[in-house]
């Protein structure tokens, strides 16, 4: 399940796609009603701005993306000491295209190439 935040424009396909906060995963259940609405808005606004400008994914990936799922709100991880969101991009059918870090500080964005290794996310 997921909590709908809004839609963004995929500039490569000219389609609006949905952005969600993941509420269930194998390693957690998130109570989205417990998340402050300002945190949800900040997460959505950050993802929308970067996604629509094309700073998160290469065009080849953008052509396949039909949904965005924020899997972790702002945090630091062993693989990235910068505050960042984890974002999964999926096809319209829900198949994962790619996952990226979206740093709070845009100057720390490493491009659309920073992929998670699952054991590093949840260790």
PDB file of N, CA and C in Angstrom:
ATOM      1  N   UNK A   1       0.832  -1.185   0.000  1.00  0.00           N
ATOM      2  CA  UNK A   1       0.000   0.000   0.000  1.00  0.00           C
ATOM      3  C   UNK A   1       0.876   1.247   0.000  1.00  0.00           C
ATOM      4  N   UNK A   2       0.271   2.337  -0.417  1.00  0.00           N
ATOM      5  CA  UNK A   2       1.004   3.592  -0.484  1.00  0.00           C
ATOM      6  C   UNK A   2       0.068   4.755  -0.214  1.00  0.00           C
ATOM      7  N   UNK A   3       0.663   5.867   0.181  1.00  0.00           N
ATOM      8  CA  UNK A   3      -0.066   7.111   0.432  1.00  0.00           C
ATOM      9  C   UNK A   3       0.174   8.053  -0.748  1.00  0.00           C
ATOM     10  N   UNK A   4      -0.882   8.397  -1.479  1.00  0.00           N
ATOM     11  CA  UNK A   4      -0.783   9.280  -2.638  1.00  0.00           C
ATOM     12  C   UNK A   4      -0.430  10.696  -2.195  1.00  0.00           C
ATOM     13  N   UNK A   5       0.581  11.291  -2.854  1.00  0.00           N
ATOM     14  CA  UNK A   5       0.990  12.664  -2.547  1.00  0.00           C
ATOM     15  C   UNK A   5       0.584  13.658  -3.623  1.00  0.00           C
ATOM     16  N   UNK A   6       0.601  13.247  -4.880  1.00  0.00           N
ATOM     17  CA  UNK A   6       0.291  14.151  -5.979  1.00  0.00           C
ATOM     18  C   UNK A   6       0.830  13.595  -7.283  1.00  0.00           C
ATOM     19  N   UNK A   7       0.788  14.434  -8.318  1.00  0.00           N
ATOM     20  CA  UNK A   7       1.284  14.009  -9.621  1.00  0.00           C
ATOM     21  C   UNK A   7       2.405  14.936 -10.085  1.00  0.00           C
ATOM     22  N   UNK A   8       3.260  14.381 -10.920  1.00  0.00           N
ATOM     23  CA  UNK A   8       4.352  15.137 -11.539  1.00  0.00           C
ATOM     24  C   UNK A   8       4.312  14.870 -13.039  1.00  0.00           C
ATOM     25  N   UNK A   9       4.922  15.751 -13.797  1.00  0.00           N
ATOM     26  CA  UNK A   9       4.967  15.582 -15.240  1.00  0.00           C
ATOM     27  C   UNK A   9       6.254  14.870 -15.640  1.00  0.00           C
ATOM     28  N   UNK A  10       6.096  13.767 -16.344  1.00  0.00           N
ATOM     29  CA  UNK A  10       7.247  13.089 -16.930  1.00  0.00           C
ATOM     30  C   UNK A  10       7.533  13.809 -18.244  1.00  0.00           C
ATOM     31  N   UNK A  11       8.571  14.612 -18.268  1.00  0.00           N
ATOM     32  CA  UNK A  11       8.863  15.465 -19.424  1.00  0.00           C
ATOM     33  C   UNK A  11       9.208  14.663 -20.673  1.00  0.00           C
ATOM     34  N   UNK A  12       9.641  13.423 -20.500  1.00  0.00           N
ATOM     35  CA  UNK A  12      10.024  12.599 -21.648  1.00  0.00           C
ATOM     36  C   UNK A  12       8.804  12.003 -22.338  1.00  0.00           C
ATOM     37  N   UNK A  13       7.795  11.613 -21.556  1.00  0.00           N
ATOM     38  CA  UNK A  13       6.584  11.008 -22.135  1.00  0.00           C
ATOM     39  C   UNK A  13       5.415  11.984 -22.202  1.00  0.00           C
ATOM     40  N   UNK A  14       5.573  13.155 -21.586  1.00  0.00           N
ATOM     41  CA  UNK A  14       4.502  14.160 -21.484  1.00  0.00           C
ATOM     42  C   UNK A  14       3.270  13.632 -20.752  1.00  0.00           C
ATOM     43  N   UNK A  15       3.471  12.657 -19.838  1.00  0.00           N
ATOM     44  CA  UNK A  15       2.377  12.096 -19.043  1.00  0.00           C
ATOM     45  C   UNK A  15       2.537  12.502 -17.590  1.00  0.00           C
ATOM     46  N   UNK A  16       1.403  12.687 -16.932  1.00  0.00           N
ATOM     47  CA  UNK A  16       1.424  12.913 -15.485  1.00  0.00           C
ATOM     48  C   UNK A  16       1.510  11.553 -14.804  1.00  0.00           C
ATOM     49  N   UNK A  17       2.377  11.468 -13.795  1.00  0.00           N
ATOM     50  CA  UNK A  17       2.507  10.215 -13.056  1.00  0.00           C
ATOM     51  C   UNK A  17       2.330  10.491 -11.566  1.00  0.00           C
ATOM     52  N   UNK A  18       1.926   9.468 -10.840  1.00  0.00           N
ATOM     53  CA  UNK A  18       1.634   9.598  -9.417  1.00  0.00           C
ATOM     54  C   UNK A  18       2.884   9.414  -8.567  1.00  0.00           C
ATOM     55  N   UNK A  19       2.897  10.160  -7.452  1.00  0.00           N
ATOM     56  CA  UNK A  19       3.968  10.054  -6.456  1.00  0.00           C
ATOM     57  C   UNK A  19       3.325   9.579  -5.159  1.00  0.00           C
ATOM     58  N   UNK A  20       3.933   8.572  -4.544  1.00  0.00           N
ATOM     59  CA  UNK A  20       3.422   7.975  -3.319  1.00  0.00           C
ATOM     60  C   UNK A  20       4.514   7.922  -2.260  1.00  0.00           C
ATOM     61  N   UNK A  21       4.100   7.847  -1.005  1.00  0.00           N
ATOM     62  CA  UNK A  21       4.997   7.430   0.075  1.00  0.00           C
ATOM     63  C   UNK A  21       4.639   5.982   0.359  1.00  0.00           C
ATOM     64  N   UNK A  22       5.626   5.113   0.297  1.00  0.00           N
ATOM     65  CA  UNK A  22       5.380   3.696   0.578  1.00  0.00           C
ATOM     66  C   UNK A  22       4.944   3.533   2.030  1.00  0.00           C
ATOM     67  N   UNK A  23       3.882   2.760   2.247  1.00  0.00           N
ATOM     68  CA  UNK A  23       3.418   2.519   3.615  1.00  0.00           C
ATOM     69  C   UNK A  23       3.717   1.106   4.083  1.00  0.00           C
ATOM     70  N   UNK A  24       3.990   0.204   3.160  1.00  0.00           N
ATOM     71  CA  UNK A  24       4.387  -1.149   3.551  1.00  0.00           C
ATOM     72  C   UNK A  24       5.517  -1.626   2.657  1.00  0.00           C
ATOM     73  N   UNK A  25       6.439  -2.307   3.275  1.00  0.00           N
ATOM     74  CA  UNK A  25       7.558  -2.965   2.606  1.00  0.00           C
ATOM     75  C   UNK A  25       7.889  -4.186   3.451  1.00  0.00           C
ATOM     76  N   UNK A  26       8.752  -5.042   2.964  1.00  0.00           N
ATOM     77  CA  UNK A  26       9.094  -6.217   3.766  1.00  0.00           C
ATOM     78  C   UNK A  26       9.672  -5.883   5.140  1.00  0.00           C
ATOM     79  N   UNK A  27      10.333  -4.717   5.262  1.00  0.00           N
ATOM     80  CA  UNK A  27      11.017  -4.391   6.509  1.00  0.00           C
ATOM     81  C   UNK A  27      10.287  -3.372   7.377  1.00  0.00           C
ATOM     82  N   UNK A  28       9.106  -2.868   6.973  1.00  0.00           N
ATOM     83  CA  UNK A  28       8.389  -1.921   7.820  1.00  0.00           C
ATOM     84  C   UNK A  28       6.940  -1.740   7.393  1.00  0.00           C
ATOM     85  N   UNK A  29       6.169  -1.204   8.316  1.00  0.00           N
ATOM     86  CA  UNK A  29       4.832  -0.684   8.044  1.00  0.00           C
ATOM     87  C   UNK A  29       4.854   0.759   8.519  1.00  0.00           C
ATOM     88  N   UNK A  30       4.540   1.685   7.641  1.00  0.00           N
ATOM     89  CA  UNK A  30       4.565   3.113   7.980  1.00  0.00           C
ATOM     90  C   UNK A  30       3.126   3.605   8.124  1.00  0.00           C
ATOM     91  N   UNK A  31       2.867   4.280   9.220  1.00  0.00           N
ATOM     92  CA  UNK A  31       1.559   4.880   9.441  1.00  0.00           C
ATOM     93  C   UNK A  31       1.582   6.285   8.852  1.00  0.00           C
ATOM     94  N   UNK A  32       1.125   6.409   7.605  1.00  0.00           N
ATOM     95  CA  UNK A  32       1.260   7.690   6.897  1.00  0.00           C
ATOM     96  C   UNK A  32       0.493   8.820   7.573  1.00  0.00           C
ATOM     97  N   UNK A  33      -0.564   8.501   8.312  1.00  0.00           N
ATOM     98  CA  UNK A  33      -1.301   9.555   9.020  1.00  0.00           C
ATOM     99  C   UNK A  33      -0.471  10.168  10.143  1.00  0.00           C
ATOM    100  N   UNK A  34       0.553   9.435  10.591  1.00  0.00           N
ATOM    101  CA  UNK A  34       1.415   9.944  11.666  1.00  0.00           C
ATOM    102  C   UNK A  34       2.506  10.879  11.140  1.00  0.00           C
ATOM    103  N   UNK A  35       2.678  10.934   9.839  1.00  0.00           N
ATOM    104  CA  UNK A  35       3.697  11.812   9.247  1.00  0.00           C
ATOM    105  C   UNK A  35       3.104  13.211   9.103  1.00  0.00           C
ATOM    106  N   UNK A  36       3.794  14.181   9.625  1.00  0.00           N
ATOM    107  CA  UNK A  36       3.349  15.566   9.556  1.00  0.00           C
ATOM    108  C   UNK A  36       3.120  15.969   8.100  1.00  0.00           C
ATOM    109  N   UNK A  37       2.017  16.658   7.840  1.00  0.00           N
ATOM    110  CA  UNK A  37       1.682  17.052   6.471  1.00  0.00           C
ATOM    111  C   UNK A  37       2.750  17.937   5.848  1.00  0.00           C
ATOM    112  N   UNK A  38       3.479  18.713   6.662  1.00  0.00           N
ATOM    113  CA  UNK A  38       4.556  19.558   6.129  1.00  0.00           C
ATOM    114  C   UNK A  38       5.711  18.700   5.621  1.00  0.00           C
ATOM    115  N   UNK A  39       5.989  17.586   6.325  1.00  0.00           N
ATOM    116  CA  UNK A  39       7.045  16.667   5.853  1.00  0.00           C
ATOM    117  C   UNK A  39       6.628  16.023   4.535  1.00  0.00           C
ATOM    118  N   UNK A  40       5.365  15.651   4.429  1.00  0.00           N
ATOM    119  CA  UNK A  40       4.868  15.063   3.182  1.00  0.00           C
ATOM    120  C   UNK A  40       4.974  16.079   2.043  1.00  0.00           C
ATOM    121  N   UNK A  41       4.582  17.313   2.313  1.00  0.00           N
ATOM    122  CA  UNK A  41       4.639  18.361   1.284  1.00  0.00           C
ATOM    123  C   UNK A  41       6.079  18.634   0.865  1.00  0.00           C
ATOM    124  N   UNK A  42       6.991  18.724   1.838  1.00  0.00           N
ATOM    125  CA  UNK A  42       8.396  18.957   1.519  1.00  0.00           C
ATOM    126  C   UNK A  42       8.952  17.812   0.672  1.00  0.00           C
ATOM    127  N   UNK A  43       8.630  16.583   1.037  1.00  0.00           N
ATOM    128  CA  UNK A  43       9.099  15.426   0.263  1.00  0.00           C
ATOM    129  C   UNK A  43       8.568  15.506  -1.167  1.00  0.00           C
ATOM    130  N   UNK A  44       7.264  15.744  -1.303  1.00  0.00           N
ATOM    131  CA  UNK A  44       6.665  15.821  -2.633  1.00  0.00           C
ATOM    132  C   UNK A  44       7.268  16.971  -3.448  1.00  0.00           C
ATOM    133  N   UNK A  45       7.364  18.150  -2.858  1.00  0.00           N
ATOM    134  CA  UNK A  45       7.893  19.309  -3.578  1.00  0.00           C
ATOM    135  C   UNK A  45       9.332  19.080  -4.044  1.00  0.00           C
ATOM    136  N   UNK A  46      10.140  18.445  -3.191  1.00  0.00           N
ATOM    137  CA  UNK A  46      11.535  18.154  -3.546  1.00  0.00           C
ATOM    138  C   UNK A  46      11.595  17.182  -4.716  1.00  0.00           C
ATOM    139  N   UNK A  47      10.835  16.093  -4.627  1.00  0.00           N
ATOM    140  CA  UNK A  47      10.826  15.081  -5.689  1.00  0.00           C
ATOM    141  C   UNK A  47      10.286  15.692  -6.988  1.00  0.00           C
ATOM    142  N   UNK A  48       9.187  16.430  -6.888  1.00  0.00           N
ATOM    143  CA  UNK A  48       8.573  17.044  -8.081  1.00  0.00           C
ATOM    144  C   UNK A  48       9.574  17.957  -8.790  1.00  0.00           C
ATOM    145  N   UNK A  49      10.199  18.851  -8.060  1.00  0.00           N
ATOM    146  CA  UNK A  49      11.145  19.811  -8.638  1.00  0.00           C
ATOM    147  C   UNK A  49      12.277  19.098  -9.369  1.00  0.00           C
ATOM    148  N   UNK A  50      12.881  18.125  -8.711  1.00  0.00           N
ATOM    149  CA  UNK A  50      14.038  17.445  -9.304  1.00  0.00           C
ATOM    150  C   UNK A  50      13.631  16.539 -10.470  1.00  0.00           C
ATOM    151  N   UNK A  51      12.494  15.838 -10.301  1.00  0.00           N
ATOM    152  CA  UNK A  51      12.043  14.925 -11.353  1.00  0.00           C
ATOM    153  C   UNK A  51      11.677  15.701 -12.620  1.00  0.00           C
ATOM    154  N   UNK A  52      10.885  16.761 -12.464  1.00  0.00           N
ATOM    155  CA  UNK A  52      10.428  17.502 -13.633  1.00  0.00           C
ATOM    156  C   UNK A  52      11.562  18.240 -14.335  1.00  0.00           C
ATOM    157  N   UNK A  53      12.617  18.548 -13.618  1.00  0.00           N
ATOM    158  CA  UNK A  53      13.792  19.182 -14.240  1.00  0.00           C
ATOM    159  C   UNK A  53      14.705  18.159 -14.902  1.00  0.00           C
ATOM    160  N   UNK A  54      14.489  16.889 -14.623  1.00  0.00           N
ATOM    161  CA  UNK A  54      15.293  15.847 -15.248  1.00  0.00           C
ATOM    162  C   UNK A  54      16.624  15.581 -14.582  1.00  0.00           C
ATOM    163  N   UNK A  55      16.732  15.926 -13.293  1.00  0.00           N
ATOM    164  CA  UNK A  55      18.022  15.737 -12.624  1.00  0.00           C
ATOM    165  C   UNK A  55      18.139  14.404 -11.887  1.00  0.00           C
ATOM    166  N   UNK A  56      17.111  13.556 -11.948  1.00  0.00           N
ATOM    167  CA  UNK A  56      17.159  12.298 -11.201  1.00  0.00           C
ATOM    168  C   UNK A  56      17.422  11.064 -12.064  1.00  0.00           C
ATOM    169  N   UNK A  57      16.936  11.068 -13.299  1.00  0.00           N
ATOM    170  CA  UNK A  57      17.018   9.881 -14.150  1.00  0.00           C
ATOM    171  C   UNK A  57      17.446  10.258 -15.562  1.00  0.00           C
ATOM    172  N   UNK A  58      18.092   9.323 -16.224  1.00  0.00           N
ATOM    173  CA  UNK A  58      18.452   9.497 -17.638  1.00  0.00           C
ATOM    174  C   UNK A  58      17.178   9.366 -18.485  1.00  0.00           C
ATOM    175  N   UNK A  59      17.218   9.928 -19.694  1.00  0.00           N
ATOM    176  CA  UNK A  59      16.050   9.892 -20.576  1.00  0.00           C
ATOM    177  C   UNK A  59      15.580   8.473 -20.876  1.00  0.00           C
ATOM    178  N   UNK A  60      16.509   7.529 -21.047  1.00  0.00           N
ATOM    179  CA  UNK A  60      16.105   6.139 -21.313  1.00  0.00           C
ATOM    180  C   UNK A  60      15.265   5.585 -20.181  1.00  0.00           C
ATOM    181  N   UNK A  61      15.614   5.925 -18.939  1.00  0.00           N
ATOM    182  CA  UNK A  61      14.821   5.489 -17.786  1.00  0.00           C
ATOM    183  C   UNK A  61      13.508   6.261 -17.722  1.00  0.00           C
ATOM    184  N   UNK A  62      13.559   7.565 -17.992  1.00  0.00           N
ATOM    185  CA  UNK A  62      12.355   8.396 -17.945  1.00  0.00           C
ATOM    186  C   UNK A  62      11.267   7.853 -18.863  1.00  0.00           C
ATOM    187  N   UNK A  63      11.650   7.329 -20.014  1.00  0.00           N
ATOM    188  CA  UNK A  63      10.674   6.787 -20.971  1.00  0.00           C
ATOM    189  C   UNK A  63       9.886   5.629 -20.372  1.00  0.00           C
ATOM    190  N   UNK A  64      10.459   4.929 -19.407  1.00  0.00           N
ATOM    191  CA  UNK A  64       9.834   3.747 -18.812  1.00  0.00           C
ATOM    192  C   UNK A  64       9.079   4.060 -17.520  1.00  0.00           C
ATOM    193  N   UNK A  65       9.310   5.229 -16.920  1.00  0.00           N
ATOM    194  CA  UNK A  65       8.770   5.527 -15.596  1.00  0.00           C
ATOM    195  C   UNK A  65       7.294   5.911 -15.668  1.00  0.00           C
ATOM    196  N   UNK A  66       6.501   5.213 -14.854  1.00  0.00           N
ATOM    197  CA  UNK A  66       5.065   5.479 -14.763  1.00  0.00           C
ATOM    198  C   UNK A  66       4.609   5.733 -13.347  1.00  0.00           C
ATOM    199  N   UNK A  67       5.523   5.673 -12.373  1.00  0.00           N
ATOM    200  CA  UNK A  67       5.178   5.926 -10.975  1.00  0.00           C
ATOM    201  C   UNK A  67       6.422   6.161 -10.144  1.00  0.00           C
ATOM    202  N   UNK A  68       6.262   6.930  -9.060  1.00  0.00           N
ATOM    203  CA  UNK A  68       7.365   7.213  -8.134  1.00  0.00           C
ATOM    204  C   UNK A  68       6.913   6.883  -6.722  1.00  0.00           C
ATOM    205  N   UNK A  69       7.784   6.195  -5.970  1.00  0.00           N
ATOM    206  CA  UNK A  69       7.464   5.769  -4.609  1.00  0.00           C
ATOM    207  C   UNK A  69       8.607   6.163  -3.680  1.00  0.00           C
ATOM    208  N   UNK A  70       8.308   7.067  -2.747  1.00  0.00           N
ATOM    209  CA  UNK A  70       9.300   7.451  -1.744  1.00  0.00           C
ATOM    210  C   UNK A  70       9.306   6.342  -0.709  1.00  0.00           C
ATOM    211  N   UNK A  71      10.425   5.636  -0.610  1.00  0.00           N
ATOM    212  CA  UNK A  71      10.485   4.498   0.309  1.00  0.00           C
ATOM    213  C   UNK A  71      11.050   4.864   1.666  1.00  0.00           C
ATOM    214  N   UNK A  72      11.852   5.927   1.730  1.00  0.00           N
ATOM    215  CA  UNK A  72      12.389   6.409   3.002  1.00  0.00           C
ATOM    216  C   UNK A  72      12.402   7.938   2.967  1.00  0.00           C
ATOM    217  N   UNK A  73      11.880   8.540   4.014  1.00  0.00           N
ATOM    218  CA  UNK A  73      11.927   9.995   4.128  1.00  0.00           C
ATOM    219  C   UNK A  73      13.334  10.413   4.505  1.00  0.00           C
ATOM    220  N   UNK A  74      13.566  11.700   4.716  1.00  0.00           N
ATOM    221  CA  UNK A  74      14.926  12.192   4.970  1.00  0.00           C
ATOM    222  C   UNK A  74      15.634  11.381   6.052  1.00  0.00           C
ATOM    223  N   UNK A  75      16.817  10.907   5.707  1.00  0.00           N
ATOM    224  CA  UNK A  75      17.635  10.122   6.627  1.00  0.00           C
ATOM    225  C   UNK A  75      19.063  10.078   6.095  1.00  0.00           C
ATOM    226  N   UNK A  76      19.963   9.593   6.934  1.00  0.00           N
ATOM    227  CA  UNK A  76      21.331   9.279   6.507  1.00  0.00           C
ATOM    228  C   UNK A  76      21.447   7.759   6.522  1.00  0.00           C
ATOM    229  N   UNK A  77      22.325   7.233   5.691  1.00  0.00           N
ATOM    230  CA  UNK A  77      22.511   5.784   5.657  1.00  0.00           C
ATOM    231  C   UNK A  77      24.003   5.473   5.608  1.00  0.00           C
ATOM    232  N   UNK A  78      24.368   4.215   5.856  1.00  0.00           N
ATOM    233  CA  UNK A  78      25.790   3.845   5.793  1.00  0.00           C
ATOM    234  C   UNK A  78      26.417   4.135   4.428  1.00  0.00           C
ATOM    235  N   UNK A  79      25.610   4.068   3.362  1.00  0.00           N
ATOM    236  CA  UNK A  79      26.161   4.308   2.028  1.00  0.00           C
ATOM    237  C   UNK A  79      26.108   5.774   1.605  1.00  0.00           C
ATOM    238  N   UNK A  80      25.430   6.642   2.408  1.00  0.00           N
ATOM    239  CA  UNK A  80      25.313   8.057   2.045  1.00  0.00           C
ATOM    240  C   UNK A  80      25.079   8.875   3.313  1.00  0.00           C
ATOM    241  N   UNK A  81      26.085   9.641   3.723  1.00  0.00           N
ATOM    242  CA  UNK A  81      25.993  10.412   4.966  1.00  0.00           C
ATOM    243  C   UNK A  81      25.194  11.708   4.799  1.00  0.00           C
ATOM    244  N   UNK A  82      24.846  12.056   3.553  1.00  0.00           N
ATOM    245  CA  UNK A  82      24.013  13.239   3.314  1.00  0.00           C
ATOM    246  C   UNK A  82      22.548  12.910   3.599  1.00  0.00           C
ATOM    247  N   UNK A  83      21.801  13.875   4.135  1.00  0.00           N
ATOM    248  CA  UNK A  83      20.361  13.679   4.298  1.00  0.00           C
ATOM    249  C   UNK A  83      19.744  13.488   2.919  1.00  0.00           C
ATOM    250  N   UNK A  84      18.945  12.418   2.773  1.00  0.00           N
ATOM    251  CA  UNK A  84      18.368  12.118   1.467  1.00  0.00           C
ATOM    252  C   UNK A  84      17.077  11.320   1.607  1.00  0.00           C
ATOM    253  N   UNK A  85      16.274  11.361   0.546  1.00  0.00           N
ATOM    254  CA  UNK A  85      15.109  10.493   0.397  1.00  0.00           C
ATOM    255  C   UNK A  85      15.544   9.309  -0.451  1.00  0.00           C
ATOM    256  N   UNK A  86      14.897   8.166  -0.263  1.00  0.00           N
ATOM    257  CA  UNK A  86      15.062   7.046  -1.188  1.00  0.00           C
ATOM    258  C   UNK A  86      13.836   7.047  -2.082  1.00  0.00           C
ATOM    259  N   UNK A  87      14.049   6.949  -3.382  1.00  0.00           N
ATOM    260  CA  UNK A  87      12.970   7.006  -4.351  1.00  0.00           C
ATOM    261  C   UNK A  87      13.059   5.834  -5.308  1.00  0.00           C
ATOM    262  N   UNK A  88      11.964   5.090  -5.414  1.00  0.00           N
ATOM    263  CA  UNK A  88      11.860   4.014  -6.397  1.00  0.00           C
ATOM    264  C   UNK A  88      11.036   4.514  -7.572  1.00  0.00           C
ATOM    265  N   UNK A  89      11.534   4.310  -8.773  1.00  0.00           N
ATOM    266  CA  UNK A  89      10.784   4.607  -9.994  1.00  0.00           C
ATOM    267  C   UNK A  89      10.303   3.288 -10.561  1.00  0.00           C
ATOM    268  N   UNK A  90       9.026   3.248 -10.958  1.00  0.00           N
ATOM    269  CA  UNK A  90       8.436   2.020 -11.494  1.00  0.00           C
ATOM    270  C   UNK A  90       7.772   2.291 -12.838  1.00  0.00           C
ATOM    271  N   UNK A  91       7.509   1.213 -13.557  1.00  0.00           N
ATOM    272  CA  UNK A  91       6.726   1.317 -14.784  1.00  0.00           C
ATOM    273  C   UNK A  91       5.259   1.513 -14.392  1.00  0.00           C
ATOM    274  N   UNK A  92       4.403   1.763 -15.377  1.00  0.00           N
ATOM    275  CA  UNK A  92       2.970   1.884 -15.095  1.00  0.00           C
ATOM    276  C   UNK A  92       2.439   0.595 -14.477  1.00  0.00           C
ATOM    277  N   UNK A  93       3.028  -0.535 -14.824  1.00  0.00           N
ATOM    278  CA  UNK A  93       2.602  -1.826 -14.289  1.00  0.00           C
ATOM    279  C   UNK A  93       3.203  -2.169 -12.933  1.00  0.00           C
ATOM    280  N   UNK A  94       4.061  -1.287 -12.403  1.00  0.00           N
ATOM    281  CA  UNK A  94       4.626  -1.495 -11.075  1.00  0.00           C
ATOM    282  C   UNK A  94       5.990  -2.163 -11.039  1.00  0.00           C
ATOM    283  N   UNK A  95       6.577  -2.477 -12.191  1.00  0.00           N
ATOM    284  CA  UNK A  95       7.905  -3.086 -12.220  1.00  0.00           C
ATOM    285  C   UNK A  95       8.961  -2.013 -11.959  1.00  0.00           C
ATOM    286  N   UNK A  96       9.913  -2.326 -11.088  1.00  0.00           N
ATOM    287  CA  UNK A  96      10.950  -1.351 -10.739  1.00  0.00           C
ATOM    288  C   UNK A  96      11.834  -1.020 -11.941  1.00  0.00           C
ATOM    289  N   UNK A  97      12.025   0.284 -12.162  1.00  0.00           N
ATOM    290  CA  UNK A  97      12.922   0.773 -13.207  1.00  0.00           C
ATOM    291  C   UNK A  97      14.281   1.058 -12.584  1.00  0.00           C
ATOM    292  N   UNK A  98      14.273   1.844 -11.490  1.00  0.00           N
ATOM    293  CA  UNK A  98      15.523   2.245 -10.848  1.00  0.00           C
ATOM    294  C   UNK A  98      15.191   2.857  -9.497  1.00  0.00           C
ATOM    295  N   UNK A  99      16.163   2.860  -8.595  1.00  0.00           N
ATOM    296  CA  UNK A  99      15.997   3.583  -7.337  1.00  0.00           C
ATOM    297  C   UNK A  99      17.184   4.524  -7.153  1.00  0.00           C
ATOM    298  N   UNK A 100      16.911   5.672  -6.544  1.00  0.00           N
ATOM    299  CA  UNK A 100      17.939   6.703  -6.395  1.00  0.00           C
ATOM    300  C   UNK A 100      17.833   7.357  -5.027  1.00  0.00           C
ATOM    301  N   UNK A 101      18.923   7.998  -4.642  1.00  0.00           N
ATOM    302  CA  UNK A 101      18.925   8.910  -3.499  1.00  0.00           C
ATOM    303  C   UNK A 101      18.564  10.289  -4.032  1.00  0.00           C
ATOM    304  N   UNK A 102      17.734  11.005  -3.290  1.00  0.00           N
ATOM    305  CA  UNK A 102      17.416  12.398  -3.613  1.00  0.00           C
ATOM    306  C   UNK A 102      17.838  13.221  -2.399  1.00  0.00           C
ATOM    307  N   UNK A 103      19.023  13.835  -2.448  1.00  0.00           N
ATOM    308  CA  UNK A 103      19.522  14.555  -1.282  1.00  0.00           C
ATOM    309  C   UNK A 103      18.727  15.819  -0.980  1.00  0.00           C
ATOM    310  N   UNK A 104      18.669  16.134   0.303  1.00  0.00           N
ATOM    311  CA  UNK A 104      18.020  17.373   0.728  1.00  0.00           C
ATOM    312  C   UNK A 104      18.695  18.570   0.055  1.00  0.00           C
ATOM    313  N   UNK A 105      20.017  18.560   0.033  1.00  0.00           N
ATOM    314  CA  UNK A 105      20.804  19.613  -0.586  1.00  0.00           C
ATOM    315  C   UNK A 105      21.037  19.234  -2.050  1.00  0.00           C
ATOM    316  N   UNK A 106      20.394  19.956  -2.948  1.00  0.00           N
ATOM    317  CA  UNK A 106      20.460  19.607  -4.366  1.00  0.00           C
ATOM    318  C   UNK A 106      21.884  19.579  -4.914  1.00  0.00           C
ATOM    319  N   UNK A 107      22.784  20.365  -4.329  1.00  0.00           N
ATOM    320  CA  UNK A 107      24.166  20.383  -4.814  1.00  0.00           C
ATOM    321  C   UNK A 107      24.879  19.056  -4.558  1.00  0.00           C
ATOM    322  N   UNK A 108      24.302  18.222  -3.717  1.00  0.00           N
ATOM    323  CA  UNK A 108      24.893  16.909  -3.414  1.00  0.00           C
ATOM    324  C   UNK A 108      24.365  15.806  -4.325  1.00  0.00           C
ATOM    325  N   UNK A 109      23.461  16.145  -5.253  1.00  0.00           N
ATOM    326  CA  UNK A 109      22.904  15.144  -6.164  1.00  0.00           C
ATOM    327  C   UNK A 109      24.016  14.571  -7.024  1.00  0.00           C
ATOM    328  N   UNK A 110      24.116  13.250  -7.028  1.00  0.00           N
ATOM    329  CA  UNK A 110      25.178  12.603  -7.789  1.00  0.00           C
ATOM    330  C   UNK A 110      24.713  12.182  -9.171  1.00  0.00           C
ATOM    331  N   UNK A 111      23.526  12.567  -9.553  1.00  0.00           N
ATOM    332  CA  UNK A 111      22.994  12.182 -10.852  1.00  0.00           C
ATOM    333  C   UNK A 111      22.069  10.997 -10.713  1.00  0.00           C
ATOM    334  N   UNK A 112      21.700  10.433 -11.828  1.00  0.00           N
ATOM    335  CA  UNK A 112      20.726   9.350 -11.820  1.00  0.00           C
ATOM    336  C   UNK A 112      21.409   7.995 -11.749  1.00  0.00           C
ATOM    337  N   UNK A 113      22.606   7.963 -11.227  1.00  0.00           N
ATOM    338  CA  UNK A 113      23.384   6.736 -11.305  1.00  0.00           C
ATOM    339  C   UNK A 113      23.582   6.078  -9.950  1.00  0.00           C
ATOM    340  N   UNK A 114      23.174   6.725  -8.852  1.00  0.00           N
ATOM    341  CA  UNK A 114      23.392   6.161  -7.527  1.00  0.00           C
ATOM    342  C   UNK A 114      22.295   5.156  -7.224  1.00  0.00           C
ATOM    343  N   UNK A 115      22.635   3.913  -7.302  1.00  0.00           N
ATOM    344  CA  UNK A 115      21.672   2.844  -7.047  1.00  0.00           C
ATOM    345  C   UNK A 115      21.915   2.272  -5.668  1.00  0.00           C
ATOM    346  N   UNK A 116      20.859   1.811  -5.063  1.00  0.00           N
ATOM    347  CA  UNK A 116      20.978   1.144  -3.772  1.00  0.00           C
ATOM    348  C   UNK A 116      21.309  -0.324  -3.965  1.00  0.00           C
ATOM    349  N   UNK A 117      22.091  -0.819  -3.070  1.00  0.00           N
ATOM    350  CA  UNK A 117      22.278  -2.260  -2.948  1.00  0.00           C
ATOM    351  C   UNK A 117      21.448  -2.644  -1.740  1.00  0.00           C
ATOM    352  N   UNK A 118      20.427  -3.491  -1.900  1.00  0.00           N
ATOM    353  CA  UNK A 118      19.475  -3.736  -0.815  1.00  0.00           C
ATOM    354  C   UNK A 118      20.093  -4.023   0.552  1.00  0.00           C
ATOM    355  N   UNK A 119      21.193  -4.736   0.613  1.00  0.00           N
ATOM    356  CA  UNK A 119      21.803  -5.040   1.904  1.00  0.00           C
ATOM    357  C   UNK A 119      22.347  -3.788   2.580  1.00  0.00           C
ATOM    358  N   UNK A 120      22.645  -2.740   1.806  1.00  0.00           N
ATOM    359  CA  UNK A 120      23.150  -1.501   2.376  1.00  0.00           C
ATOM    360  C   UNK A 120      22.022  -0.624   2.907  1.00  0.00           C
ATOM    361  N   UNK A 121      20.838  -0.764   2.367  1.00  0.00           N
ATOM    362  CA  UNK A 121      19.720   0.074   2.798  1.00  0.00           C
ATOM    363  C   UNK A 121      19.256  -0.318   4.182  1.00  0.00           C
ATOM    364  N   UNK A 122      19.122  -1.587   4.412  1.00  0.00           N
ATOM    365  CA  UNK A 122      18.438  -2.064   5.595  1.00  0.00           C
ATOM    366  C   UNK A 122      19.348  -2.723   6.630  1.00  0.00           C
ATOM    367  N   UNK A 123      20.643  -2.531   6.515  1.00  0.00           N
ATOM    368  CA  UNK A 123      21.535  -3.180   7.473  1.00  0.00           C
ATOM    369  C   UNK A 123      21.718  -2.340   8.709  1.00  0.00           C
TER     370      UNK A 123
END
